[in-house]
Amino acid sequence: MFVTGGIEEAIATAQKIAGRRDVGVNGDQMARQTLEAGLLDEFHIDLVPVLLGAGTPFVGQFAGGPLLLEGPVGVVNGTGVTHLRYLVRR
């Protein structure tokens, strides 16, 4: 499905399709837009011990920063990865 009405319409459409399930977004632009619109409740970060030397910021610059996250409220250790879950403070 293609949505042209902005991030609010995209999230509303995704929530309608998902029903009672969670809706996730990618990092960078989508995460920044949902964060600025007040639509982001949690950050899930998969931490892998690799230093790339360059890359794209997780969210980039956004209006309203800096923002403190609450947590981690969930930590799952895997082989070569740690899954972290933080709540967005309002």
C-alpha atoms as a PDB file:
ATOM      1  CA  MET A   1       0.000   0.000   0.000  1.00  0.00           C
ATOM      2  CA  PHE A   2       1.256   3.485  -0.873  1.00  0.00           C
ATOM      3  CA  VAL A   3       0.434   6.429   1.408  1.00  0.00           C
ATOM      4  CA  THR A   4       0.906  10.062   0.338  1.00  0.00           C
ATOM      5  CA  GLY A   5      -0.616  11.991   3.270  1.00  0.00           C
ATOM      6  CA  GLY A   6       2.443  12.112   5.530  1.00  0.00           C
ATOM      7  CA  ILE A   7       3.635  10.136   8.523  1.00  0.00           C
ATOM      8  CA  GLU A   8       0.377  10.529  10.475  1.00  0.00           C
ATOM      9  CA  GLU A   9      -1.616   8.889   7.672  1.00  0.00           C
ATOM     10  CA  ALA A  10       1.023   6.200   7.245  1.00  0.00           C
ATOM     11  CA  ILE A  11       0.926   5.257  10.943  1.00  0.00           C
ATOM     12  CA  ALA A  12      -2.900   5.365  11.054  1.00  0.00           C
ATOM     13  CA  THR A  13      -3.045   3.064   8.019  1.00  0.00           C
ATOM     14  CA  ALA A  14      -0.458   0.698   9.516  1.00  0.00           C
ATOM     15  CA  GLN A  15      -2.373   0.564  12.825  1.00  0.00           C
ATOM     16  CA  LYS A  16      -5.607  -0.212  11.009  1.00  0.00           C
ATOM     17  CA  ILE A  17      -3.940  -3.053   9.105  1.00  0.00           C
ATOM     18  CA  ALA A  18      -2.131  -4.348  12.225  1.00  0.00           C
ATOM     19  CA  GLY A  19      -5.231  -4.446  14.389  1.00  0.00           C
ATOM     20  CA  ARG A  20      -4.116  -5.368  17.913  1.00  0.00           C
ATOM     21  CA  ARG A  21      -0.495  -6.010  16.895  1.00  0.00           C
ATOM     22  CA  ASP A  22       2.356  -3.516  17.250  1.00  0.00           C
ATOM     23  CA  VAL A  23       3.477  -1.272  14.399  1.00  0.00           C
ATOM     24  CA  GLY A  24       7.208  -0.757  13.848  1.00  0.00           C
ATOM     25  CA  VAL A  25       9.105   1.810  11.798  1.00  0.00           C
ATOM     26  CA  ASN A  26      12.645   1.952  10.417  1.00  0.00           C
ATOM     27  CA  GLY A  27      15.311   4.177  11.900  1.00  0.00           C
ATOM     28  CA  ASP A  28      16.443   7.499  10.449  1.00  0.00           C
ATOM     29  CA  GLN A  29      13.695   9.452   8.626  1.00  0.00           C
ATOM     30  CA  MET A  30      10.657   7.392   9.641  1.00  0.00           C
ATOM     31  CA  ALA A  31      11.749   7.235  13.280  1.00  0.00           C
ATOM     32  CA  ARG A  32      12.489  10.978  13.282  1.00  0.00           C
ATOM     33  CA  GLN A  33       9.122  11.853  11.728  1.00  0.00           C
ATOM     34  CA  THR A  34       7.126   9.637  14.103  1.00  0.00           C
ATOM     35  CA  LEU A  35       9.099  10.974  17.067  1.00  0.00           C
ATOM     36  CA  GLU A  36       8.444  14.606  16.064  1.00  0.00           C
ATOM     37  CA  ALA A  37       4.737  13.834  15.536  1.00  0.00           C
ATOM     38  CA  GLY A  38       4.472  12.272  19.025  1.00  0.00           C
ATOM     39  CA  LEU A  39       3.639   8.857  17.536  1.00  0.00           C
ATOM     40  CA  LEU A  40       6.672   6.895  18.753  1.00  0.00           C
ATOM     41  CA  ASP A  41       6.294   5.040  22.076  1.00  0.00           C
ATOM     42  CA  GLU A  42       9.416   2.855  22.148  1.00  0.00           C
ATOM     43  CA  PHE A  43      12.857   2.430  20.639  1.00  0.00           C
ATOM     44  CA  HIS A  44      14.097  -1.093  19.961  1.00  0.00           C
ATOM     45  CA  ILE A  45      17.831  -1.186  19.400  1.00  0.00           C
ATOM     46  CA  ASP A  46      19.730  -4.269  18.263  1.00  0.00           C
ATOM     47  CA  LEU A  47      23.308  -3.690  19.421  1.00  0.00           C
ATOM     48  CA  VAL A  48      25.966  -5.597  17.475  1.00  0.00           C
ATOM     49  CA  PRO A  49      29.639  -5.068  18.407  1.00  0.00           C
ATOM     50  CA  VAL A  50      30.847  -3.893  14.988  1.00  0.00           C
ATOM     51  CA  LEU A  51      32.464  -0.505  14.336  1.00  0.00           C
ATOM     52  CA  LEU A  52      31.677   0.502  10.763  1.00  0.00           C
ATOM     53  CA  GLY A  53      33.614   3.774  10.771  1.00  0.00           C
ATOM     54  CA  ALA A  54      30.743   5.671   9.129  1.00  0.00           C
ATOM     55  CA  GLY A  55      27.031   5.369   8.624  1.00  0.00           C
ATOM     56  CA  THR A  56      23.624   6.956   9.018  1.00  0.00           C
ATOM     57  CA  PRO A  57      22.572   8.307  12.421  1.00  0.00           C
ATOM     58  CA  PHE A  58      19.832   6.258  14.076  1.00  0.00           C
ATOM     59  CA  VAL A  59      17.398   9.181  14.085  1.00  0.00           C
ATOM     60  CA  GLY A  60      19.430  12.169  12.908  1.00  0.00           C
ATOM     61  CA  GLN A  61      18.641  15.687  14.070  1.00  0.00           C
ATOM     62  CA  PHE A  62      15.069  16.174  15.178  1.00  0.00           C
ATOM     63  CA  ALA A  63      12.956  18.961  16.624  1.00  0.00           C
ATOM     64  CA  GLY A  64      12.607  18.729  20.380  1.00  0.00           C
ATOM     65  CA  GLY A  65      15.978  17.177  21.165  1.00  0.00           C
ATOM     66  CA  PRO A  66      17.674  16.217  23.315  1.00  0.00           C
ATOM     67  CA  LEU A  67      15.252  13.545  24.461  1.00  0.00           C
ATOM     68  CA  LEU A  68      15.835  11.236  27.419  1.00  0.00           C
ATOM     69  CA  LEU A  69      14.661   7.664  26.963  1.00  0.00           C
ATOM     70  CA  GLU A  70      13.432   5.553  29.866  1.00  0.00           C
ATOM     71  CA  GLY A  71      15.151   2.275  30.487  1.00  0.00           C
ATOM     72  CA  PRO A  72      16.233   0.001  29.189  1.00  0.00           C
ATOM     73  CA  VAL A  73      12.920  -1.622  30.048  1.00  0.00           C
ATOM     74  CA  GLY A  74      13.903  -4.779  28.226  1.00  0.00           C
ATOM     75  CA  VAL A  75      17.254  -6.467  27.573  1.00  0.00           C
ATOM     76  CA  VAL A  76      17.675  -9.729  25.694  1.00  0.00           C
ATOM     77  CA  ASN A  77      21.189 -11.082  25.186  1.00  0.00           C
ATOM     78  CA  GLY A  78      21.790 -13.177  22.105  1.00  0.00           C
ATOM     79  CA  THR A  79      24.833 -14.577  20.366  1.00  0.00           C
ATOM     80  CA  GLY A  80      26.694 -11.521  19.073  1.00  0.00           C
ATOM     81  CA  VAL A  81      23.754  -9.157  19.676  1.00  0.00           C
ATOM     82  CA  THR A  82      21.982  -7.449  22.556  1.00  0.00           C
ATOM     83  CA  HIS A  83      18.371  -6.372  22.024  1.00  0.00           C
ATOM     84  CA  LEU A  84      17.444  -3.248  23.992  1.00  0.00           C
ATOM     85  CA  ARG A  85      14.019  -1.663  24.483  1.00  0.00           C
ATOM     86  CA  TYR A  86      13.563   1.923  25.694  1.00  0.00           C
ATOM     87  CA  LEU A  87      10.400   3.944  26.323  1.00  0.00           C
ATOM     88  CA  VAL A  88      10.051   7.453  24.886  1.00  0.00           C
ATOM     89  CA  ARG A  89       9.470   9.937  27.709  1.00  0.00           C
ATOM     90  CA  ARG A  90       6.704  12.443  27.051  1.00  0.00           C
END
